[in-house]
Amino acid sequence: MSGAFDPLHHDSIRRATAARLGKLGLSAAKIKTLKLLAREIQSTRLNLDALGDQDADEAHQTLTALHGVGPWTADVYLLFCLGHSDAWPAGDLALQDAIRLGLGLDFRPTTKDMTALAEIWRPFRGAAAHLWWAYYRAAGRSAV
């Protein structure tokens, strides 16, 4: 998408037609979410840079309050785009399976289980997530 909008800026997305965005392979739901995000950023109701300085749970809630932004998307954005040290994508299947393998659990932990398990790693749950993903890759396992 960044190649189609160079430079990638919220004003470009806000002004783009749904047809143009659709030609990039975006679904109607994703277009609606992108347009909403662009409007929120334009109006300064959403400051993406400030999210990195917020508490991870607060930043997560800010993002998931927006229509079309789910928990996994919010946490992965915080972790990979903002480098938030405490973002914890508890719903990530590979992360869940890595925890199952690494802790010798008989079941893949649920999102709720993952949230509780990760409390010991606060305020560095993001670093823990990276380590668990590396373990998962090294173990050569599938999340299914």
N, C-alpha and C. Protein backbone atom coordinates (compact mmCIF):
# COMPACT_ATOMS: atom_id res chain seq x y z
N MET A 1 0.82 -1.19 0.00
CA MET A 1 0.00 0.00 0.00
C MET A 1 0.86 1.26 0.00
N SER A 2 2.02 1.20 0.66
CA SER A 2 2.85 2.40 0.71
C SER A 2 3.32 2.80 -0.69
N GLY A 3 3.49 1.85 -1.61
CA GLY A 3 3.87 2.18 -2.97
C GLY A 3 2.78 2.94 -3.70
N ALA A 4 1.53 2.65 -3.38
CA ALA A 4 0.40 3.33 -4.01
C ALA A 4 0.17 4.71 -3.42
N PHE A 5 0.65 4.93 -2.22
CA PHE A 5 0.50 6.21 -1.53
C PHE A 5 1.88 6.62 -1.03
N ASP A 6 2.62 7.30 -1.91
CA ASP A 6 3.97 7.69 -1.54
C ASP A 6 4.05 9.20 -1.48
N PRO A 7 4.25 9.80 -0.31
CA PRO A 7 4.44 9.14 0.97
C PRO A 7 3.10 8.68 1.56
N LEU A 8 3.17 7.65 2.38
CA LEU A 8 1.97 7.15 3.05
C LEU A 8 1.60 8.13 4.15
N HIS A 9 0.43 8.72 4.03
CA HIS A 9 0.00 9.75 4.98
C HIS A 9 -1.50 9.62 5.16
N HIS A 10 -1.96 9.93 6.36
CA HIS A 10 -3.39 9.79 6.65
C HIS A 10 -4.27 10.64 5.73
N ASP A 11 -3.78 11.78 5.29
CA ASP A 11 -4.58 12.61 4.38
C ASP A 11 -4.80 11.90 3.04
N SER A 12 -3.77 11.20 2.56
CA SER A 12 -3.90 10.46 1.30
C SER A 12 -4.95 9.37 1.43
N ILE A 13 -4.94 8.66 2.53
CA ILE A 13 -5.92 7.60 2.76
C ILE A 13 -7.32 8.20 2.92
N ARG A 14 -7.40 9.28 3.66
CA ARG A 14 -8.70 9.92 3.91
C ARG A 14 -9.33 10.38 2.60
N ARG A 15 -8.52 10.91 1.68
CA ARG A 15 -9.04 11.43 0.41
C ARG A 15 -9.23 10.36 -0.66
N ALA A 16 -8.60 9.21 -0.49
CA ALA A 16 -8.70 8.16 -1.51
C ALA A 16 -10.11 7.60 -1.60
N THR A 17 -10.52 7.27 -2.77
CA THR A 17 -11.85 6.67 -2.95
C THR A 17 -11.81 5.20 -2.53
N ALA A 18 -12.95 4.71 -2.16
CA ALA A 18 -13.06 3.29 -1.79
C ALA A 18 -12.67 2.41 -2.98
N ALA A 19 -13.01 2.85 -4.19
CA ALA A 19 -12.66 2.08 -5.38
C ALA A 19 -11.14 1.97 -5.53
N ARG A 20 -10.43 3.07 -5.30
CA ARG A 20 -8.96 3.03 -5.41
C ARG A 20 -8.37 2.11 -4.35
N LEU A 21 -8.87 2.20 -3.14
CA LEU A 21 -8.38 1.33 -2.07
C LEU A 21 -8.74 -0.13 -2.35
N GLY A 22 -9.92 -0.35 -2.89
CA GLY A 22 -10.34 -1.70 -3.23
C GLY A 22 -9.45 -2.34 -4.28
N LYS A 23 -8.94 -1.53 -5.23
CA LYS A 23 -8.04 -2.05 -6.26
C LYS A 23 -6.72 -2.54 -5.67
N LEU A 24 -6.43 -2.13 -4.45
CA LEU A 24 -5.22 -2.60 -3.78
C LEU A 24 -5.45 -3.93 -3.07
N GLY A 25 -6.68 -4.42 -3.17
CA GLY A 25 -7.00 -5.70 -2.56
C GLY A 25 -7.61 -5.60 -1.17
N LEU A 26 -7.96 -4.39 -0.77
CA LEU A 26 -8.55 -4.21 0.56
C LEU A 26 -10.04 -4.52 0.52
N SER A 27 -10.50 -5.20 1.55
CA SER A 27 -11.93 -5.49 1.68
C SER A 27 -12.67 -4.23 2.09
N ALA A 28 -13.97 -4.26 1.95
CA ALA A 28 -14.80 -3.11 2.35
C ALA A 28 -14.61 -2.81 3.83
N ALA A 29 -14.51 -3.86 4.65
CA ALA A 29 -14.32 -3.66 6.09
C ALA A 29 -12.98 -2.99 6.39
N LYS A 30 -11.93 -3.40 5.69
CA LYS A 30 -10.61 -2.80 5.91
C LYS A 30 -10.59 -1.36 5.42
N ILE A 31 -11.26 -1.09 4.33
CA ILE A 31 -11.35 0.28 3.83
C ILE A 31 -12.06 1.16 4.85
N LYS A 32 -13.14 0.67 5.39
CA LYS A 32 -13.89 1.43 6.40
C LYS A 32 -13.00 1.73 7.62
N THR A 33 -12.23 0.74 8.06
CA THR A 33 -11.35 0.93 9.20
C THR A 33 -10.23 1.91 8.88
N LEU A 34 -9.61 1.78 7.72
CA LEU A 34 -8.55 2.71 7.32
C LEU A 34 -9.06 4.14 7.24
N LYS A 35 -10.25 4.31 6.66
CA LYS A 35 -10.83 5.65 6.56
C LYS A 35 -11.08 6.23 7.95
N LEU A 36 -11.61 5.39 8.85
CA LEU A 36 -11.85 5.83 10.23
C LEU A 36 -10.54 6.25 10.90
N LEU A 37 -9.51 5.43 10.76
CA LEU A 37 -8.22 5.75 11.35
C LEU A 37 -7.67 7.06 10.79
N ALA A 38 -7.78 7.24 9.49
CA ALA A 38 -7.30 8.48 8.87
C ALA A 38 -8.04 9.70 9.42
N ARG A 39 -9.35 9.57 9.59
CA ARG A 39 -10.13 10.69 10.17
C ARG A 39 -9.73 10.96 11.62
N GLU A 40 -9.55 9.90 12.38
CA GLU A 40 -9.17 10.06 13.79
C GLU A 40 -7.80 10.71 13.94
N ILE A 41 -6.87 10.33 13.08
CA ILE A 41 -5.54 10.93 13.11
C ILE A 41 -5.61 12.39 12.66
N GLN A 42 -6.36 12.66 11.59
CA GLN A 42 -6.51 14.03 11.09
C GLN A 42 -7.08 14.96 12.15
N SER A 43 -8.07 14.47 12.88
CA SER A 43 -8.74 15.30 13.89
C SER A 43 -7.94 15.39 15.19
N THR A 44 -6.83 14.68 15.27
CA THR A 44 -5.97 14.57 16.45
C THR A 44 -6.63 13.85 17.64
N ARG A 45 -7.73 13.17 17.39
CA ARG A 45 -8.31 12.33 18.46
C ARG A 45 -7.46 11.09 18.68
N LEU A 46 -6.68 10.72 17.67
CA LEU A 46 -5.78 9.58 17.77
C LEU A 46 -4.37 10.04 17.44
N ASN A 47 -3.48 9.88 18.40
CA ASN A 47 -2.07 10.23 18.22
C ASN A 47 -1.27 8.94 18.33
N LEU A 48 -0.89 8.39 17.18
CA LEU A 48 -0.20 7.11 17.16
C LEU A 48 1.14 7.17 17.88
N ASP A 49 1.85 8.27 17.76
CA ASP A 49 3.15 8.39 18.43
C ASP A 49 3.00 8.35 19.95
N ALA A 50 1.95 8.96 20.46
CA ALA A 50 1.74 9.01 21.91
C ALA A 50 1.41 7.64 22.48
N LEU A 51 0.88 6.74 21.66
CA LEU A 51 0.53 5.41 22.15
C LEU A 51 1.73 4.67 22.71
N GLY A 52 2.89 4.88 22.13
CA GLY A 52 4.10 4.20 22.59
C GLY A 52 4.51 4.61 23.99
N ASP A 53 4.07 5.80 24.42
CA ASP A 53 4.41 6.29 25.75
C ASP A 53 3.35 5.93 26.79
N GLN A 54 2.21 5.47 26.32
CA GLN A 54 1.13 5.10 27.25
C GLN A 54 1.40 3.73 27.84
N ASP A 55 0.74 3.45 28.96
CA ASP A 55 0.71 2.11 29.51
C ASP A 55 0.18 1.18 28.41
N ALA A 56 0.74 -0.03 28.31
CA ALA A 56 0.37 -0.95 27.24
C ALA A 56 -1.12 -1.25 27.24
N ASP A 57 -1.71 -1.45 28.41
CA ASP A 57 -3.13 -1.77 28.47
C ASP A 57 -3.98 -0.58 28.03
N GLU A 58 -3.56 0.62 28.40
CA GLU A 58 -4.28 1.83 27.99
C GLU A 58 -4.18 2.03 26.48
N ALA A 59 -2.98 1.85 25.93
CA ALA A 59 -2.79 1.99 24.48
C ALA A 59 -3.62 0.93 23.74
N HIS A 60 -3.64 -0.28 24.26
CA HIS A 60 -4.44 -1.36 23.68
C HIS A 60 -5.91 -0.97 23.66
N GLN A 61 -6.41 -0.44 24.76
CA GLN A 61 -7.82 -0.03 24.83
C GLN A 61 -8.12 1.12 23.88
N THR A 62 -7.19 2.05 23.75
CA THR A 62 -7.38 3.16 22.82
C THR A 62 -7.58 2.63 21.40
N LEU A 63 -6.74 1.70 21.01
CA LEU A 63 -6.83 1.17 19.64
C LEU A 63 -8.05 0.27 19.44
N THR A 64 -8.33 -0.59 20.39
CA THR A 64 -9.46 -1.51 20.21
C THR A 64 -10.81 -0.81 20.33
N ALA A 65 -10.83 0.39 20.84
CA ALA A 65 -12.07 1.16 20.89
C ALA A 65 -12.48 1.64 19.49
N LEU A 66 -11.54 1.59 18.56
CA LEU A 66 -11.81 2.01 17.19
C LEU A 66 -12.42 0.85 16.42
N HIS A 67 -13.49 1.13 15.69
CA HIS A 67 -14.18 0.10 14.92
C HIS A 67 -13.20 -0.56 13.94
N GLY A 68 -13.14 -1.87 13.98
CA GLY A 68 -12.32 -2.61 13.04
C GLY A 68 -10.92 -2.94 13.53
N VAL A 69 -10.54 -2.44 14.70
CA VAL A 69 -9.22 -2.74 15.25
C VAL A 69 -9.41 -3.73 16.39
N GLY A 70 -8.97 -4.96 16.15
CA GLY A 70 -9.11 -6.00 17.16
C GLY A 70 -7.92 -6.07 18.09
N PRO A 71 -8.02 -6.90 19.11
CA PRO A 71 -6.94 -7.02 20.10
C PRO A 71 -5.59 -7.43 19.51
N TRP A 72 -5.59 -8.42 18.62
CA TRP A 72 -4.33 -8.87 18.04
C TRP A 72 -3.70 -7.76 17.22
N THR A 73 -4.49 -7.09 16.40
CA THR A 73 -3.98 -6.00 15.57
C THR A 73 -3.39 -4.89 16.44
N ALA A 74 -4.12 -4.53 17.49
CA ALA A 74 -3.65 -3.47 18.39
C ALA A 74 -2.30 -3.84 19.01
N ASP A 75 -2.20 -5.04 19.53
CA ASP A 75 -0.97 -5.44 20.21
C ASP A 75 0.20 -5.59 19.26
N VAL A 76 -0.05 -6.15 18.08
CA VAL A 76 1.03 -6.31 17.11
C VAL A 76 1.50 -4.93 16.61
N TYR A 77 0.57 -4.00 16.41
CA TYR A 77 0.95 -2.64 16.03
C TYR A 77 1.82 -2.00 17.13
N LEU A 78 1.36 -2.12 18.36
CA LEU A 78 2.13 -1.54 19.48
C LEU A 78 3.52 -2.15 19.57
N LEU A 79 3.60 -3.43 19.37
CA LEU A 79 4.87 -4.13 19.51
C LEU A 79 5.82 -3.87 18.34
N PHE A 80 5.35 -4.06 17.11
CA PHE A 80 6.24 -3.98 15.96
C PHE A 80 6.38 -2.59 15.37
N CYS A 81 5.35 -1.79 15.41
CA CYS A 81 5.43 -0.46 14.81
C CYS A 81 5.91 0.59 15.80
N LEU A 82 5.49 0.47 17.05
CA LEU A 82 5.89 1.45 18.05
C LEU A 82 6.98 0.94 18.98
N GLY A 83 7.29 -0.35 18.91
CA GLY A 83 8.32 -0.91 19.78
C GLY A 83 7.96 -0.86 21.24
N HIS A 84 6.66 -0.97 21.54
CA HIS A 84 6.21 -0.88 22.93
C HIS A 84 6.74 -2.08 23.72
N SER A 85 7.44 -1.81 24.78
CA SER A 85 8.11 -2.88 25.52
C SER A 85 7.15 -3.81 26.27
N ASP A 86 5.91 -3.37 26.46
CA ASP A 86 5.00 -4.19 27.26
C ASP A 86 3.79 -4.68 26.49
N ALA A 87 3.76 -4.50 25.18
CA ALA A 87 2.64 -5.01 24.38
C ALA A 87 2.68 -6.54 24.41
N TRP A 88 1.53 -7.15 24.58
CA TRP A 88 1.46 -8.61 24.71
C TRP A 88 0.31 -9.13 23.85
N PRO A 89 0.60 -9.65 22.66
CA PRO A 89 -0.45 -10.18 21.78
C PRO A 89 -0.93 -11.56 22.24
N ALA A 90 -1.71 -11.57 23.30
CA ALA A 90 -2.15 -12.80 23.95
C ALA A 90 -2.94 -13.72 23.03
N GLY A 91 -3.55 -13.19 21.99
CA GLY A 91 -4.35 -13.99 21.08
C GLY A 91 -3.56 -14.59 19.92
N ASP A 92 -2.26 -14.37 19.88
CA ASP A 92 -1.45 -14.88 18.79
C ASP A 92 -1.27 -16.39 18.93
N LEU A 93 -1.68 -17.14 17.91
CA LEU A 93 -1.65 -18.61 17.99
C LEU A 93 -0.23 -19.17 18.12
N ALA A 94 0.73 -18.59 17.40
CA ALA A 94 2.11 -19.08 17.51
C ALA A 94 2.65 -18.82 18.91
N LEU A 95 2.33 -17.68 19.46
CA LEU A 95 2.77 -17.36 20.82
C LEU A 95 2.12 -18.30 21.83
N GLN A 96 0.84 -18.58 21.63
CA GLN A 96 0.15 -19.52 22.51
C GLN A 96 0.78 -20.90 22.43
N ASP A 97 1.11 -21.33 21.22
CA ASP A 97 1.69 -22.66 21.06
C ASP A 97 3.11 -22.71 21.63
N ALA A 98 3.87 -21.63 21.47
CA ALA A 98 5.21 -21.58 22.05
C ALA A 98 5.14 -21.71 23.57
N ILE A 99 4.19 -21.02 24.19
CA ILE A 99 4.01 -21.11 25.64
C ILE A 99 3.62 -22.54 26.03
N ARG A 100 2.74 -23.14 25.24
CA ARG A 100 2.32 -24.52 25.51
C ARG A 100 3.54 -25.44 25.50
N LEU A 101 4.34 -25.32 24.45
CA LEU A 101 5.53 -26.16 24.32
C LEU A 101 6.55 -25.87 25.42
N GLY A 102 6.85 -24.60 25.59
CA GLY A 102 7.92 -24.20 26.52
C GLY A 102 7.60 -24.48 27.98
N LEU A 103 6.32 -24.37 28.33
CA LEU A 103 5.93 -24.62 29.72
C LEU A 103 5.42 -26.04 29.94
N GLY A 104 5.41 -26.83 28.86
CA GLY A 104 4.99 -28.22 28.97
C GLY A 104 3.52 -28.37 29.32
N LEU A 105 2.69 -27.49 28.79
CA LEU A 105 1.25 -27.55 29.07
C LEU A 105 0.60 -28.61 28.19
N ASP A 106 -0.48 -29.19 28.65
CA ASP A 106 -1.23 -30.18 27.89
C ASP A 106 -2.21 -29.55 26.91
N PHE A 107 -2.35 -28.24 26.94
CA PHE A 107 -3.32 -27.53 26.11
C PHE A 107 -2.70 -26.21 25.68
N ARG A 108 -3.19 -25.69 24.56
CA ARG A 108 -2.77 -24.36 24.14
C ARG A 108 -3.53 -23.36 25.00
N PRO A 109 -2.83 -22.46 25.68
CA PRO A 109 -3.52 -21.51 26.55
C PRO A 109 -4.43 -20.57 25.77
N THR A 110 -5.52 -20.19 26.38
CA THR A 110 -6.45 -19.23 25.80
C THR A 110 -5.87 -17.82 25.94
N THR A 111 -6.52 -16.88 25.30
CA THR A 111 -6.11 -15.48 25.44
C THR A 111 -6.14 -15.07 26.91
N LYS A 112 -7.16 -15.48 27.62
CA LYS A 112 -7.26 -15.16 29.05
C LYS A 112 -6.11 -15.80 29.83
N ASP A 113 -5.81 -17.06 29.52
CA ASP A 113 -4.68 -17.74 30.18
C ASP A 113 -3.38 -17.00 29.89
N MET A 114 -3.20 -16.60 28.65
CA MET A 114 -1.97 -15.93 28.24
C MET A 114 -1.77 -14.62 28.98
N THR A 115 -2.86 -13.90 29.17
CA THR A 115 -2.79 -12.63 29.88
C THR A 115 -2.30 -12.85 31.30
N ALA A 116 -2.84 -13.86 31.96
CA ALA A 116 -2.43 -14.17 33.33
C ALA A 116 -0.98 -14.66 33.38
N LEU A 117 -0.62 -15.54 32.46
CA LEU A 117 0.74 -16.08 32.45
C LEU A 117 1.79 -14.99 32.25
N ALA A 118 1.46 -13.97 31.49
CA ALA A 118 2.44 -12.93 31.14
C ALA A 118 2.63 -11.87 32.22
N GLU A 119 1.84 -11.89 33.24
CA GLU A 119 1.96 -10.87 34.28
C GLU A 119 3.36 -10.82 34.88
N ILE A 120 4.02 -11.96 34.99
CA ILE A 120 5.35 -11.98 35.60
C ILE A 120 6.40 -11.26 34.76
N TRP A 121 6.10 -11.03 33.48
CA TRP A 121 7.06 -10.37 32.60
C TRP A 121 6.83 -8.87 32.47
N ARG A 122 5.80 -8.33 33.11
CA ARG A 122 5.58 -6.88 33.07
C ARG A 122 6.78 -6.17 33.66
N PRO A 123 7.20 -5.08 33.13
CA PRO A 123 6.71 -4.30 32.00
C PRO A 123 7.43 -4.63 30.69
N PHE A 124 7.91 -5.87 30.57
CA PHE A 124 8.65 -6.27 29.38
C PHE A 124 8.00 -7.46 28.67
N ARG A 125 6.68 -7.47 28.64
CA ARG A 125 5.98 -8.57 27.97
C ARG A 125 6.29 -8.59 26.48
N GLY A 126 6.55 -7.43 25.89
CA GLY A 126 6.91 -7.38 24.47
C GLY A 126 8.21 -8.12 24.20
N ALA A 127 9.19 -7.94 25.07
CA ALA A 127 10.45 -8.66 24.93
C ALA A 127 10.21 -10.16 25.11
N ALA A 128 9.37 -10.50 26.06
CA ALA A 128 9.04 -11.92 26.28
C ALA A 128 8.37 -12.50 25.03
N ALA A 129 7.49 -11.74 24.39
CA ALA A 129 6.83 -12.22 23.18
C ALA A 129 7.87 -12.53 22.10
N HIS A 130 8.82 -11.64 21.91
CA HIS A 130 9.87 -11.88 20.91
C HIS A 130 10.66 -13.15 21.24
N LEU A 131 10.98 -13.34 22.50
CA LEU A 131 11.72 -14.53 22.89
C LEU A 131 10.91 -15.80 22.66
N TRP A 132 9.62 -15.76 22.99
CA TRP A 132 8.76 -16.94 22.78
C TRP A 132 8.60 -17.23 21.29
N TRP A 133 8.48 -16.20 20.45
CA TRP A 133 8.40 -16.44 19.01
C TRP A 133 9.70 -17.06 18.49
N ALA A 134 10.83 -16.60 19.00
CA ALA A 134 12.12 -17.18 18.59
C ALA A 134 12.18 -18.65 19.02
N TYR A 135 11.70 -18.93 20.21
CA TYR A 135 11.65 -20.32 20.68
C TYR A 135 10.76 -21.16 19.76
N TYR A 136 9.63 -20.60 19.40
CA TYR A 136 8.67 -21.30 18.53
C TYR A 136 9.32 -21.64 17.18
N ARG A 137 10.02 -20.68 16.60
CA ARG A 137 10.71 -20.91 15.33
C ARG A 137 11.79 -21.99 15.49
N ALA A 138 12.55 -21.90 16.57
CA ALA A 138 13.62 -22.87 16.80
C ALA A 138 13.07 -24.26 17.03
N ALA A 139 11.89 -24.34 17.65
CA ALA A 139 11.27 -25.65 17.91
C ALA A 139 10.70 -26.23 16.62
N GLY A 140 10.48 -25.38 15.61
CA GLY A 140 9.96 -25.85 14.32
C GLY A 140 8.57 -26.43 14.40
N ARG A 141 7.74 -25.84 15.23
CA ARG A 141 6.38 -26.36 15.44
C ARG A 141 5.33 -25.55 14.70
N SER A 142 4.17 -26.15 14.56
CA SER A 142 3.01 -25.50 13.96
C SER A 142 2.02 -25.15 15.04
N ALA A 143 1.31 -24.05 14.86
CA ALA A 143 0.34 -23.60 15.88
C ALA A 143 -0.93 -24.43 15.90
N VAL A 144 -1.07 -25.36 14.99
CA VAL A 144 -2.31 -26.16 14.98
C VAL A 144 -2.16 -27.47 15.68
